[in-house]
Each structure stands twice: as C-alpha cells, then as structure tokens.
C-alpha cells in the first residue's frame, strides 16, 4: 500500500508545483505560502478531528514533539524558498532541483 501512497504523493506534488506557479503569478510568494499553509492547516486538523485522533495528542513524547517541531520549521522554510524560486523561475527548472532533496536526505 505504501507504493500507492508514494505515487499519489508524487502526483499531488506535481499538481502543487503547477498550481503554485499559477498562484504566485500576481502576489508575493510569502503571502502565497501563508495562504497555502492555512489551507493545509484546516485540511489536516479536519482529518484529525473527524478521524477521532485528537485524543492521541496526549500520548506524544517530548522527543517526538521536538522532531515534529523541527520538521515543521524545515517544511516551512522549504515552502518559502520553493515559492520564491517558482515565482522567479520556470517551474520545470525549479522542480527537478527541489527533488535533489532525495539525494540530500540520503547523504544526511
């Protein structure tokens, strides 16, 4: 099942790149990132609430909190720089460079 999820992730990441390029055409890329993040915030908390997972928040360890916070900060910075890059350049050139994250992950 993980392969299905991975392909769906790749498909939606491609849609993200295309929609984001169109979305940042006439506005500041930081504002576009904030709007996108707000949508994601509502979507994910809706899934958690309607999936009855909110009570699980009490079981999250300090170590897990630390790494989730670091991951969130990294994601936010990644999105901010990605939106700046696609606003300034061609998405067909930015997206492949962005995918170097796979190589960087392996190296780290």
PDB file of N, CA and C in Angstrom:
ATOM      1  N   UNK A   1       0.812  -1.196   0.000  1.00  0.00           N
ATOM      2  CA  UNK A   1       0.000   0.000   0.000  1.00  0.00           C
ATOM      3  C   UNK A   1       0.861   1.268   0.000  1.00  0.00           C
ATOM      4  N   UNK A   2       2.068   1.173   0.569  1.00  0.00           N
ATOM      5  CA  UNK A   2       2.929   2.341   0.643  1.00  0.00           C
ATOM      6  C   UNK A   2       3.285   2.867  -0.741  1.00  0.00           C
ATOM      7  N   UNK A   3       3.368   1.960  -1.739  1.00  0.00           N
ATOM      8  CA  UNK A   3       3.699   2.404  -3.097  1.00  0.00           C
ATOM      9  C   UNK A   3       2.568   3.248  -3.689  1.00  0.00           C
ATOM     10  N   UNK A   4       1.338   2.872  -3.399  1.00  0.00           N
ATOM     11  CA  UNK A   4       0.187   3.661  -3.867  1.00  0.00           C
ATOM     12  C   UNK A   4       0.256   5.058  -3.259  1.00  0.00           C
ATOM     13  N   UNK A   5       0.514   5.120  -1.956  1.00  0.00           N
ATOM     14  CA  UNK A   5       0.637   6.415  -1.286  1.00  0.00           C
ATOM     15  C   UNK A   5       1.787   7.236  -1.866  1.00  0.00           C
ATOM     16  N   UNK A   6       2.901   6.577  -2.164  1.00  0.00           N
ATOM     17  CA  UNK A   6       4.067   7.277  -2.722  1.00  0.00           C
ATOM     18  C   UNK A   6       3.743   7.856  -4.104  1.00  0.00           C
ATOM     19  N   UNK A   7       3.065   7.091  -4.940  1.00  0.00           N
ATOM     20  CA  UNK A   7       2.684   7.600  -6.263  1.00  0.00           C
ATOM     21  C   UNK A   7       1.656   8.721  -6.156  1.00  0.00           C
ATOM     22  N   UNK A   8       0.716   8.586  -5.235  1.00  0.00           N
ATOM     23  CA  UNK A   8      -0.249   9.670  -5.010  1.00  0.00           C
ATOM     24  C   UNK A   8       0.465  10.930  -4.527  1.00  0.00           C
ATOM     25  N   UNK A   9       1.444  10.762  -3.665  1.00  0.00           N
ATOM     26  CA  UNK A   9       2.236  11.896  -3.191  1.00  0.00           C
ATOM     27  C   UNK A   9       2.936  12.580  -4.362  1.00  0.00           C
ATOM     28  N   UNK A  10       3.544  11.799  -5.239  1.00  0.00           N
ATOM     29  CA  UNK A  10       4.237  12.363  -6.402  1.00  0.00           C
ATOM     30  C   UNK A  10       3.261  13.094  -7.319  1.00  0.00           C
ATOM     31  N   UNK A  11       2.089  12.498  -7.535  1.00  0.00           N
ATOM     32  CA  UNK A  11       1.083  13.132  -8.391  1.00  0.00           C
ATOM     33  C   UNK A  11       0.637  14.475  -7.824  1.00  0.00           C
ATOM     34  N   UNK A  12       0.313  14.485  -6.519  1.00  0.00           N
ATOM     35  CA  UNK A  12      -0.145  15.732  -5.904  1.00  0.00           C
ATOM     36  C   UNK A  12       0.983  16.755  -5.772  1.00  0.00           C
ATOM     37  N   UNK A  13       2.219  16.296  -5.620  1.00  0.00           N
ATOM     38  CA  UNK A  13       3.351  17.218  -5.612  1.00  0.00           C
ATOM     39  C   UNK A  13       3.488  17.896  -6.971  1.00  0.00           C
ATOM     40  N   UNK A  14       3.256  17.133  -8.046  1.00  0.00           N
ATOM     41  CA  UNK A  14       3.299  17.723  -9.391  1.00  0.00           C
ATOM     42  C   UNK A  14       2.184  18.751  -9.551  1.00  0.00           C
ATOM     43  N   UNK A  15       0.985  18.416  -9.098  1.00  0.00           N
ATOM     44  CA  UNK A  15      -0.123  19.373  -9.145  1.00  0.00           C
ATOM     45  C   UNK A  15       0.190  20.609  -8.319  1.00  0.00           C
ATOM     46  N   UNK A  16       0.819  20.399  -7.175  1.00  0.00           N
ATOM     47  CA  UNK A  16       1.211  21.510  -6.308  1.00  0.00           C
ATOM     48  C   UNK A  16       2.116  22.478  -7.051  1.00  0.00           C
ATOM     49  N   UNK A  17       3.094  21.936  -7.745  1.00  0.00           N
ATOM     50  CA  UNK A  17       4.042  22.788  -8.470  1.00  0.00           C
ATOM     51  C   UNK A  17       3.332  23.617  -9.536  1.00  0.00           C
ATOM     52  N   UNK A  18       2.459  22.985 -10.284  1.00  0.00           N
ATOM     53  CA  UNK A  18       1.752  23.687 -11.359  1.00  0.00           C
ATOM     54  C   UNK A  18       0.809  24.740 -10.789  1.00  0.00           C
ATOM     55  N   UNK A  19       0.000  24.354  -9.815  1.00  0.00           N
ATOM     56  CA  UNK A  19      -0.951  25.295  -9.214  1.00  0.00           C
ATOM     57  C   UNK A  19      -0.234  26.435  -8.496  1.00  0.00           C
ATOM     58  N   UNK A  20       0.864  26.111  -7.817  1.00  0.00           N
ATOM     59  CA  UNK A  20       1.614  27.136  -7.094  1.00  0.00           C
ATOM     60  C   UNK A  20       2.206  28.158  -8.056  1.00  0.00           C
ATOM     61  N   UNK A  21       2.733  27.690  -9.181  1.00  0.00           N
ATOM     62  CA  UNK A  21       3.319  28.620 -10.164  1.00  0.00           C
ATOM     63  C   UNK A  21       2.263  29.614 -10.638  1.00  0.00           C
ATOM     64  N   UNK A  22       1.065  29.116 -10.908  1.00  0.00           N
ATOM     65  CA  UNK A  22      -0.028  29.994 -11.331  1.00  0.00           C
ATOM     66  C   UNK A  22      -0.450  30.891 -10.172  1.00  0.00           C
ATOM     67  N   UNK A  23      -0.468  30.336  -8.969  1.00  0.00           N
ATOM     68  CA  UNK A  23      -0.922  31.067  -7.787  1.00  0.00           C
ATOM     69  C   UNK A  23      -0.014  32.198  -7.346  1.00  0.00           C
ATOM     70  N   UNK A  24       1.281  32.094  -7.625  1.00  0.00           N
ATOM     71  CA  UNK A  24       2.204  33.153  -7.191  1.00  0.00           C
ATOM     72  C   UNK A  24       2.442  34.192  -8.280  1.00  0.00           C
ATOM     73  N   UNK A  25       1.726  34.071  -9.377  1.00  0.00           N
ATOM     74  CA  UNK A  25       1.946  34.963 -10.517  1.00  0.00           C
ATOM     75  C   UNK A  25       1.778  36.439 -10.162  1.00  0.00           C
ATOM     76  N   UNK A  26       0.722  36.750  -9.393  1.00  0.00           N
ATOM     77  CA  UNK A  26       0.390  38.155  -9.150  1.00  0.00           C
ATOM     78  C   UNK A  26       0.478  38.592  -7.693  1.00  0.00           C
ATOM     79  N   UNK A  27       0.998  37.711  -6.805  1.00  0.00           N
ATOM     80  CA  UNK A  27       1.102  38.089  -5.395  1.00  0.00           C
ATOM     81  C   UNK A  27       2.477  37.727  -4.854  1.00  0.00           C
ATOM     82  N   UNK A  28       2.802  38.279  -3.705  1.00  0.00           N
ATOM     83  CA  UNK A  28       4.051  37.993  -3.023  1.00  0.00           C
ATOM     84  C   UNK A  28       4.115  36.506  -2.678  1.00  0.00           C
ATOM     85  N   UNK A  29       5.267  35.889  -2.887  1.00  0.00           N
ATOM     86  CA  UNK A  29       5.401  34.451  -2.651  1.00  0.00           C
ATOM     87  C   UNK A  29       5.228  34.083  -1.177  1.00  0.00           C
ATOM     88  N   UNK A  30       5.613  34.975  -0.259  1.00  0.00           N
ATOM     89  CA  UNK A  30       5.420  34.697   1.174  1.00  0.00           C
ATOM     90  C   UNK A  30       3.927  34.656   1.520  1.00  0.00           C
ATOM     91  N   UNK A  31       3.165  35.581   0.946  1.00  0.00           N
ATOM     92  CA  UNK A  31       1.724  35.582   1.157  1.00  0.00           C
ATOM     93  C   UNK A  31       1.097  34.322   0.567  1.00  0.00           C
ATOM     94  N   UNK A  32       1.554  33.928  -0.615  1.00  0.00           N
ATOM     95  CA  UNK A  32       1.040  32.702  -1.236  1.00  0.00           C
ATOM     96  C   UNK A  32       1.325  31.488  -0.359  1.00  0.00           C
ATOM     97  N   UNK A  33       2.511  31.434   0.224  1.00  0.00           N
ATOM     98  CA  UNK A  33       2.863  30.331   1.121  1.00  0.00           C
ATOM     99  C   UNK A  33       1.964  30.331   2.357  1.00  0.00           C
ATOM    100  N   UNK A  34       1.688  31.497   2.900  1.00  0.00           N
ATOM    101  CA  UNK A  34       0.817  31.602   4.081  1.00  0.00           C
ATOM    102  C   UNK A  34      -0.598  31.125   3.764  1.00  0.00           C
ATOM    103  N   UNK A  35      -1.107  31.507   2.600  1.00  0.00           N
ATOM    104  CA  UNK A  35      -2.452  31.054   2.206  1.00  0.00           C
ATOM    105  C   UNK A  35      -2.460  29.538   2.060  1.00  0.00           C
ATOM    106  N   UNK A  36      -1.470  29.009   1.362  1.00  0.00           N
ATOM    107  CA  UNK A  36      -1.371  27.557   1.163  1.00  0.00           C
ATOM    108  C   UNK A  36      -1.288  26.831   2.504  1.00  0.00           C
ATOM    109  N   UNK A  37      -0.479  27.349   3.399  1.00  0.00           N
ATOM    110  CA  UNK A  37      -0.297  26.723   4.706  1.00  0.00           C
ATOM    111  C   UNK A  37      -1.587  26.737   5.514  1.00  0.00           C
ATOM    112  N   UNK A  38      -2.343  27.805   5.421  1.00  0.00           N
ATOM    113  CA  UNK A  38      -3.630  27.892   6.123  1.00  0.00           C
ATOM    114  C   UNK A  38      -4.594  26.833   5.620  1.00  0.00           C
ATOM    115  N   UNK A  39      -4.636  26.636   4.309  1.00  0.00           N
ATOM    116  CA  UNK A  39      -5.496  25.603   3.730  1.00  0.00           C
ATOM    117  C   UNK A  39      -5.084  24.229   4.251  1.00  0.00           C
ATOM    118  N   UNK A  40      -3.781  23.967   4.260  1.00  0.00           N
ATOM    119  CA  UNK A  40      -3.269  22.689   4.756  1.00  0.00           C
ATOM    120  C   UNK A  40      -3.615  22.511   6.233  1.00  0.00           C
ATOM    121  N   UNK A  41      -3.495  23.586   7.001  1.00  0.00           N
ATOM    122  CA  UNK A  41      -3.822  23.550   8.424  1.00  0.00           C
ATOM    123  C   UNK A  41      -5.266  23.097   8.650  1.00  0.00           C
ATOM    124  N   UNK A  42      -6.199  23.726   7.949  1.00  0.00           N
ATOM    125  CA  UNK A  42      -7.609  23.353   8.093  1.00  0.00           C
ATOM    126  C   UNK A  42      -7.865  21.926   7.609  1.00  0.00           C
ATOM    127  N   UNK A  43      -7.264  21.553   6.498  1.00  0.00           N
ATOM    128  CA  UNK A  43      -7.455  20.211   5.954  1.00  0.00           C
ATOM    129  C   UNK A  43      -6.967  19.138   6.922  1.00  0.00           C
ATOM    130  N   UNK A  44      -5.743  19.294   7.409  1.00  0.00           N
ATOM    131  CA  UNK A  44      -5.175  18.250   8.262  1.00  0.00           C
ATOM    132  C   UNK A  44      -5.850  18.173   9.628  1.00  0.00           C
ATOM    133  N   UNK A  45      -6.170  19.328  10.235  1.00  0.00           N
ATOM    134  CA  UNK A  45      -6.873  19.275  11.516  1.00  0.00           C
ATOM    135  C   UNK A  45      -8.283  18.712  11.341  1.00  0.00           C
ATOM    136  N   UNK A  46      -8.908  18.981  10.213  1.00  0.00           N
ATOM    137  CA  UNK A  46     -10.215  18.384   9.927  1.00  0.00           C
ATOM    138  C   UNK A  46     -10.130  16.872   9.861  1.00  0.00           C
ATOM    139  N   UNK A  47      -9.095  16.372   9.211  1.00  0.00           N
ATOM    140  CA  UNK A  47      -8.894  14.923   9.121  1.00  0.00           C
ATOM    141  C   UNK A  47      -8.662  14.328  10.505  1.00  0.00           C
ATOM    142  N   UNK A  48      -7.855  15.001  11.316  1.00  0.00           N
ATOM    143  CA  UNK A  48      -7.577  14.510  12.674  1.00  0.00           C
ATOM    144  C   UNK A  48      -8.849  14.503  13.519  1.00  0.00           C
ATOM    145  N   UNK A  49      -9.603  15.586  13.463  1.00  0.00           N
ATOM    146  CA  UNK A  49     -10.816  15.696  14.286  1.00  0.00           C
ATOM    147  C   UNK A  49     -11.876  14.698  13.838  1.00  0.00           C
ATOM    148  N   UNK A  50     -12.146  14.656  12.540  1.00  0.00           N
ATOM    149  CA  UNK A  50     -13.179  13.739  12.052  1.00  0.00           C
ATOM    150  C   UNK A  50     -12.738  12.286  12.091  1.00  0.00           C
ATOM    151  N   UNK A  51     -11.440  12.046  12.157  1.00  0.00           N
ATOM    152  CA  UNK A  51     -10.921  10.687  12.295  1.00  0.00           C
ATOM    153  C   UNK A  51     -10.776  10.260  13.741  1.00  0.00           C
ATOM    154  N   UNK A  52     -11.209  11.114  14.647  1.00  0.00           N
ATOM    155  CA  UNK A  52     -11.161  10.830  16.092  1.00  0.00           C
ATOM    156  C   UNK A  52      -9.746  10.552  16.597  1.00  0.00           C
ATOM    157  N   UNK A  53      -8.784  11.323  16.122  1.00  0.00           N
ATOM    158  CA  UNK A  53      -7.402  11.130  16.552  1.00  0.00           C
ATOM    159  C   UNK A  53      -6.920  12.223  17.502  1.00  0.00           C
ATOM    160  N   UNK A  54      -7.769  13.195  17.791  1.00  0.00           N
ATOM    161  CA  UNK A  54      -7.354  14.326  18.623  1.00  0.00           C
ATOM    162  C   UNK A  54      -6.921  13.886  20.023  1.00  0.00           C
ATOM    163  N   UNK A  55      -7.579  12.871  20.570  1.00  0.00           N
ATOM    164  CA  UNK A  55      -7.228  12.413  21.919  1.00  0.00           C
ATOM    165  C   UNK A  55      -5.813  11.836  21.986  1.00  0.00           C
ATOM    166  N   UNK A  56      -5.258  11.446  20.862  1.00  0.00           N
ATOM    167  CA  UNK A  56      -3.911  10.873  20.826  1.00  0.00           C
ATOM    168  C   UNK A  56      -2.819  11.909  21.071  1.00  0.00           C
ATOM    169  N   UNK A  57      -3.174  13.176  21.030  1.00  0.00           N
ATOM    170  CA  UNK A  57      -2.169  14.234  21.199  1.00  0.00           C
ATOM    171  C   UNK A  57      -1.491  14.141  22.570  1.00  0.00           C
ATOM    172  N   UNK A  58      -2.212  13.617  23.557  1.00  0.00           N
ATOM    173  CA  UNK A  58      -1.660  13.484  24.914  1.00  0.00           C
ATOM    174  C   UNK A  58      -0.551  12.439  24.989  1.00  0.00           C
ATOM    175  N   UNK A  59      -0.490  11.546  24.018  1.00  0.00           N
ATOM    176  CA  UNK A  59       0.488  10.454  24.071  1.00  0.00           C
ATOM    177  C   UNK A  59       1.793  10.783  23.350  1.00  0.00           C
ATOM    178  N   UNK A  60       1.898  11.975  22.794  1.00  0.00           N
ATOM    179  CA  UNK A  60       3.103  12.353  22.050  1.00  0.00           C
ATOM    180  C   UNK A  60       4.233  12.660  23.034  1.00  0.00           C
ATOM    181  N   UNK A  61       5.364  11.991  22.855  1.00  0.00           N
ATOM    182  CA  UNK A  61       6.501  12.172  23.762  1.00  0.00           C
ATOM    183  C   UNK A  61       7.232  13.488  23.461  1.00  0.00           C
ATOM    184  N   UNK A  62       8.061  13.908  24.417  1.00  0.00           N
ATOM    185  CA  UNK A  62       8.844  15.145  24.240  1.00  0.00           C
ATOM    186  C   UNK A  62       9.769  15.041  23.035  1.00  0.00           C
ATOM    187  N   UNK A  63      10.397  13.885  22.872  1.00  0.00           N
ATOM    188  CA  UNK A  63      11.306  13.668  21.751  1.00  0.00           C
ATOM    189  C   UNK A  63      10.554  13.784  20.420  1.00  0.00           C
ATOM    190  N   UNK A  64       9.371  13.194  20.370  1.00  0.00           N
ATOM    191  CA  UNK A  64       8.559  13.268  19.157  1.00  0.00           C
ATOM    192  C   UNK A  64       8.148  14.706  18.891  1.00  0.00           C
ATOM    193  N   UNK A  65       7.735  15.436  19.936  1.00  0.00           N
ATOM    194  CA  UNK A  65       7.393  16.861  19.774  1.00  0.00           C
ATOM    195  C   UNK A  65       8.565  17.632  19.178  1.00  0.00           C
ATOM    196  N   UNK A  66       9.768  17.395  19.724  1.00  0.00           N
ATOM    197  CA  UNK A  66      10.958  18.099  19.257  1.00  0.00           C
ATOM    198  C   UNK A  66      11.155  17.892  17.760  1.00  0.00           C
ATOM    199  N   UNK A  67      11.108  16.636  17.326  1.00  0.00           N
ATOM    200  CA  UNK A  67      11.368  16.361  15.915  1.00  0.00           C
ATOM    201  C   UNK A  67      10.211  16.791  15.016  1.00  0.00           C
ATOM    202  N   UNK A  68       8.996  16.772  15.503  1.00  0.00           N
ATOM    203  CA  UNK A  68       7.873  17.296  14.717  1.00  0.00           C
ATOM    204  C   UNK A  68       7.984  18.809  14.553  1.00  0.00           C
ATOM    205  N   UNK A  69       8.423  19.483  15.608  1.00  0.00           N
ATOM    206  CA  UNK A  69       8.628  20.936  15.535  1.00  0.00           C
ATOM    207  C   UNK A  69       9.753  21.261  14.553  1.00  0.00           C
ATOM    208  N   UNK A  70      10.866  20.540  14.655  1.00  0.00           N
ATOM    209  CA  UNK A  70      11.975  20.755  13.721  1.00  0.00           C
ATOM    210  C   UNK A  70      11.546  20.458  12.285  1.00  0.00           C
ATOM    211  N   UNK A  71      10.767  19.408  12.102  1.00  0.00           N
ATOM    212  CA  UNK A  71      10.262  19.068  10.773  1.00  0.00           C
ATOM    213  C   UNK A  71       9.342  20.166  10.246  1.00  0.00           C
ATOM    214  N   UNK A  72       8.488  20.699  11.114  1.00  0.00           N
ATOM    215  CA  UNK A  72       7.596  21.782  10.715  1.00  0.00           C
ATOM    216  C   UNK A  72       8.356  23.034  10.307  1.00  0.00           C
ATOM    217  N   UNK A  73       9.389  23.377  11.064  1.00  0.00           N
ATOM    218  CA  UNK A  73      10.218  24.534  10.714  1.00  0.00           C
ATOM    219  C   UNK A  73      10.933  24.307   9.380  1.00  0.00           C
ATOM    220  N   UNK A  74      11.452  23.109   9.191  1.00  0.00           N
ATOM    221  CA  UNK A  74      12.120  22.782   7.932  1.00  0.00           C
ATOM    222  C   UNK A  74      11.151  22.839   6.757  1.00  0.00           C
ATOM    223  N   UNK A  75       9.955  22.311   6.954  1.00  0.00           N
ATOM    224  CA  UNK A  75       8.933  22.338   5.903  1.00  0.00           C
ATOM    225  C   UNK A  75       8.570  23.770   5.551  1.00  0.00           C
ATOM    226  N   UNK A  76       8.363  24.598   6.561  1.00  0.00           N
ATOM    227  CA  UNK A  76       8.008  25.990   6.322  1.00  0.00           C
ATOM    228  C   UNK A  76       9.077  26.722   5.530  1.00  0.00           C
ATOM    229  N   UNK A  77      10.325  26.537   5.912  1.00  0.00           N
ATOM    230  CA  UNK A  77      11.418  27.180   5.183  1.00  0.00           C
ATOM    231  C   UNK A  77      11.518  26.640   3.757  1.00  0.00           C
ATOM    232  N   UNK A  78      11.344  25.329   3.604  1.00  0.00           N
ATOM    233  CA  UNK A  78      11.374  24.727   2.279  1.00  0.00           C
ATOM    234  C   UNK A  78      10.299  25.338   1.385  1.00  0.00           C
ATOM    235  N   UNK A  79       9.082  25.451   1.904  1.00  0.00           N
ATOM    236  CA  UNK A  79       7.979  26.015   1.111  1.00  0.00           C
ATOM    237  C   UNK A  79       8.229  27.479   0.769  1.00  0.00           C
ATOM    238  N   UNK A  80       8.723  28.253   1.725  1.00  0.00           N
ATOM    239  CA  UNK A  80       9.001  29.668   1.456  1.00  0.00           C
ATOM    240  C   UNK A  80      10.016  29.825   0.326  1.00  0.00           C
ATOM    241  N   UNK A  81      11.100  29.046   0.388  1.00  0.00           N
ATOM    242  CA  UNK A  81      12.114  29.133  -0.657  1.00  0.00           C
ATOM    243  C   UNK A  81      11.621  28.565  -1.984  1.00  0.00           C
ATOM    244  N   UNK A  82      10.808  27.510  -1.918  1.00  0.00           N
ATOM    245  CA  UNK A  82      10.255  26.918  -3.139  1.00  0.00           C
ATOM    246  C   UNK A  82       9.350  27.913  -3.864  1.00  0.00           C
ATOM    247  N   UNK A  83       8.484  28.578  -3.116  1.00  0.00           N
ATOM    248  CA  UNK A  83       7.579  29.552  -3.729  1.00  0.00           C
ATOM    249  C   UNK A  83       8.349  30.732  -4.307  1.00  0.00           C
ATOM    250  N   UNK A  84       9.409  31.174  -3.619  1.00  0.00           N
ATOM    251  CA  UNK A  84      10.244  32.252  -4.168  1.00  0.00           C
ATOM    252  C   UNK A  84      10.911  31.791  -5.459  1.00  0.00           C
ATOM    253  N   UNK A  85      11.380  30.560  -5.470  1.00  0.00           N
ATOM    254  CA  UNK A  85      12.061  30.032  -6.650  1.00  0.00           C
ATOM    255  C   UNK A  85      11.112  29.907  -7.838  1.00  0.00           C
ATOM    256  N   UNK A  86       9.903  29.374  -7.609  1.00  0.00           N
ATOM    257  CA  UNK A  86       8.993  29.211  -8.752  1.00  0.00           C
ATOM    258  C   UNK A  86       8.409  30.544  -9.214  1.00  0.00           C
ATOM    259  N   UNK A  87       8.381  31.518  -8.312  1.00  0.00           N
ATOM    260  CA  UNK A  87       7.910  32.836  -8.734  1.00  0.00           C
ATOM    261  C   UNK A  87       8.947  33.485  -9.659  1.00  0.00           C
ATOM    262  N   UNK A  88      10.207  33.270  -9.357  1.00  0.00           N
ATOM    263  CA  UNK A  88      11.278  33.897 -10.128  1.00  0.00           C
ATOM    264  C   UNK A  88      11.692  33.080 -11.355  1.00  0.00           C
ATOM    265  N   UNK A  89      11.507  31.763 -11.301  1.00  0.00           N
ATOM    266  CA  UNK A  89      11.985  30.914 -12.387  1.00  0.00           C
ATOM    267  C   UNK A  89      10.914  29.988 -12.913  1.00  0.00           C
ATOM    268  N   UNK A  90      11.290  29.228 -13.893  1.00  0.00           N
ATOM    269  CA  UNK A  90      10.387  28.258 -14.518  1.00  0.00           C
ATOM    270  C   UNK A  90      10.194  27.060 -13.592  1.00  0.00           C
ATOM    271  N   UNK A  91       8.954  26.667 -13.401  1.00  0.00           N
ATOM    272  CA  UNK A  91       8.677  25.539 -12.509  1.00  0.00           C
ATOM    273  C   UNK A  91       9.310  24.251 -13.050  1.00  0.00           C
ATOM    274  N   UNK A  92       9.444  24.156 -14.364  1.00  0.00           N
ATOM    275  CA  UNK A  92      10.063  22.962 -14.956  1.00  0.00           C
ATOM    276  C   UNK A  92      11.562  22.890 -14.654  1.00  0.00           C
ATOM    277  N   UNK A  93      12.143  23.998 -14.247  1.00  0.00           N
ATOM    278  CA  UNK A  93      13.556  24.003 -13.840  1.00  0.00           C
ATOM    279  C   UNK A  93      13.709  23.937 -12.323  1.00  0.00           C
ATOM    280  N   UNK A  94      12.778  24.536 -11.619  1.00  0.00           N
ATOM    281  CA  UNK A  94      12.854  24.550 -10.153  1.00  0.00           C
ATOM    282  C   UNK A  94      12.525  23.170  -9.574  1.00  0.00           C
ATOM    283  N   UNK A  95      11.468  22.526 -10.084  1.00  0.00           N
ATOM    284  CA  UNK A  95      11.019  21.243  -9.521  1.00  0.00           C
ATOM    285  C   UNK A  95      12.115  20.174  -9.502  1.00  0.00           C
ATOM    286  N   UNK A  96      12.861  19.986 -10.593  1.00  0.00           N
ATOM    287  CA  UNK A  96      13.925  18.965 -10.532  1.00  0.00           C
ATOM    288  C   UNK A  96      15.005  19.283  -9.488  1.00  0.00           C
ATOM    289  N   UNK A  97      15.337  20.559  -9.344  1.00  0.00           N
ATOM    290  CA  UNK A  97      16.329  20.941  -8.330  1.00  0.00           C
ATOM    291  C   UNK A  97      15.772  20.672  -6.942  1.00  0.00           C
ATOM    292  N   UNK A  98      14.486  20.996  -6.755  1.00  0.00           N
ATOM    293  CA  UNK A  98      13.827  20.733  -5.482  1.00  0.00           C
ATOM    294  C   UNK A  98      13.878  19.244  -5.137  1.00  0.00           C
ATOM    295  N   UNK A  99      13.803  18.394  -6.144  1.00  0.00           N
ATOM    296  CA  UNK A  99      13.825  16.943  -5.910  1.00  0.00           C
ATOM    297  C   UNK A  99      15.208  16.434  -5.519  1.00  0.00           C
ATOM    298  N   UNK A 100      16.210  17.308  -5.554  1.00  0.00           N
ATOM    299  CA  UNK A 100      17.524  16.927  -5.021  1.00  0.00           C
ATOM    300  C   UNK A 100      17.427  16.639  -3.519  1.00  0.00           C
ATOM    301  N   UNK A 101      16.293  16.987  -2.925  1.00  0.00           N
ATOM    302  CA  UNK A 101      16.096  16.677  -1.502  1.00  0.00           C
ATOM    303  C   UNK A 101      16.231  15.174  -1.248  1.00  0.00           C
ATOM    304  N   UNK A 102      15.918  14.354  -2.242  1.00  0.00           N
ATOM    305  CA  UNK A 102      16.078  12.902  -2.089  1.00  0.00           C
ATOM    306  C   UNK A 102      17.558  12.558  -1.886  1.00  0.00           C
ATOM    307  N   UNK A 103      18.407  13.125  -2.702  1.00  0.00           N
ATOM    308  CA  UNK A 103      19.845  12.885  -2.600  1.00  0.00           C
ATOM    309  C   UNK A 103      20.384  13.434  -1.273  1.00  0.00           C
ATOM    310  N   UNK A 104      19.946  14.636  -0.927  1.00  0.00           N
ATOM    311  CA  UNK A 104      20.396  15.256   0.328  1.00  0.00           C
ATOM    312  C   UNK A 104      19.957  14.419   1.528  1.00  0.00           C
ATOM    313  N   UNK A 105      18.739  13.889   1.473  1.00  0.00           N
ATOM    314  CA  UNK A 105      18.252  13.014   2.546  1.00  0.00           C
ATOM    315  C   UNK A 105      19.138  11.794   2.701  1.00  0.00           C
ATOM    316  N   UNK A 106      19.500  11.186   1.589  1.00  0.00           N
ATOM    317  CA  UNK A 106      20.377  10.007   1.633  1.00  0.00           C
ATOM    318  C   UNK A 106      21.726  10.372   2.237  1.00  0.00           C
ATOM    319  N   UNK A 107      22.265  11.536   1.840  1.00  0.00           N
ATOM    320  CA  UNK A 107      23.558  11.968   2.370  1.00  0.00           C
ATOM    321  C   UNK A 107      23.496  12.267   3.869  1.00  0.00           C
ATOM    322  N   UNK A 108      22.379  12.858   4.305  1.00  0.00           N
ATOM    323  CA  UNK A 108      22.242  13.177   5.730  1.00  0.00           C
ATOM    324  C   UNK A 108      22.042  11.914   6.543  1.00  0.00           C
TER     325      UNK A 108
END
